[in-house]
Amino acid sequence: MISAPCVYTLKIVISLTLKVYSFVWGTIA
């Protein structure tokens, strides 16, 4: 069973990654 803090941190990391990716993609495009 995965602990809650791990899931919460993972969600934050994924969210930030998507924001950075979309930002970079918008800059390139």
C-alpha atoms as a PDB file:
ATOM      1  CA  MET A   1       0.000   0.000   0.000  1.00  0.00           C
ATOM      2  CA  ILE A   2       1.364   3.380  -0.989  1.00  0.00           C
ATOM      3  CA  SER A   3       1.342   5.969   1.781  1.00  0.00           C
ATOM      4  CA  ALA A   4      -0.694   9.153   1.345  1.00  0.00           C
ATOM      5  CA  PRO A   5       2.287  11.567   1.490  1.00  0.00           C
ATOM      6  CA  CYS A   6       3.921   9.702  -1.402  1.00  0.00           C
ATOM      7  CA  VAL A   7       0.798   9.972  -3.525  1.00  0.00           C
ATOM      8  CA  TYR A   8       0.422  13.654  -2.663  1.00  0.00           C
ATOM      9  CA  THR A   9       4.043  14.375  -3.566  1.00  0.00           C
ATOM     10  CA  LEU A  10       3.696  12.397  -6.787  1.00  0.00           C
ATOM     11  CA  LYS A  11       0.641  14.436  -7.790  1.00  0.00           C
ATOM     12  CA  ILE A  12       2.553  17.677  -7.145  1.00  0.00           C
ATOM     13  CA  VAL A  13       5.516  16.486  -9.212  1.00  0.00           C
ATOM     14  CA  ILE A  14       3.275  15.459 -12.114  1.00  0.00           C
ATOM     15  CA  SER A  15       1.408  18.766 -11.933  1.00  0.00           C
ATOM     16  CA  LEU A  16       4.611  20.816 -11.983  1.00  0.00           C
ATOM     17  CA  THR A  17       6.021  18.691 -14.808  1.00  0.00           C
ATOM     18  CA  LEU A  18       2.925  19.281 -16.922  1.00  0.00           C
ATOM     19  CA  LYS A  19       3.062  23.030 -16.232  1.00  0.00           C
ATOM     20  CA  VAL A  20       6.731  23.227 -17.194  1.00  0.00           C
ATOM     21  CA  TYR A  21       6.159  21.082 -20.282  1.00  0.00           C
ATOM     22  CA  SER A  22       3.241  23.210 -21.483  1.00  0.00           C
ATOM     23  CA  PHE A  23       5.232  26.379 -20.794  1.00  0.00           C
ATOM     24  CA  VAL A  24       8.243  25.156 -22.767  1.00  0.00           C
ATOM     25  CA  TRP A  25       6.010  23.861 -25.565  1.00  0.00           C
ATOM     26  CA  GLY A  26       4.271  27.252 -25.740  1.00  0.00           C
ATOM     27  CA  THR A  27       7.644  28.990 -25.926  1.00  0.00           C
ATOM     28  CA  ILE A  28       8.893  26.763 -28.729  1.00  0.00           C
ATOM     29  CA  ALA A  29       5.691  26.782 -30.755  1.00  0.00           C
END
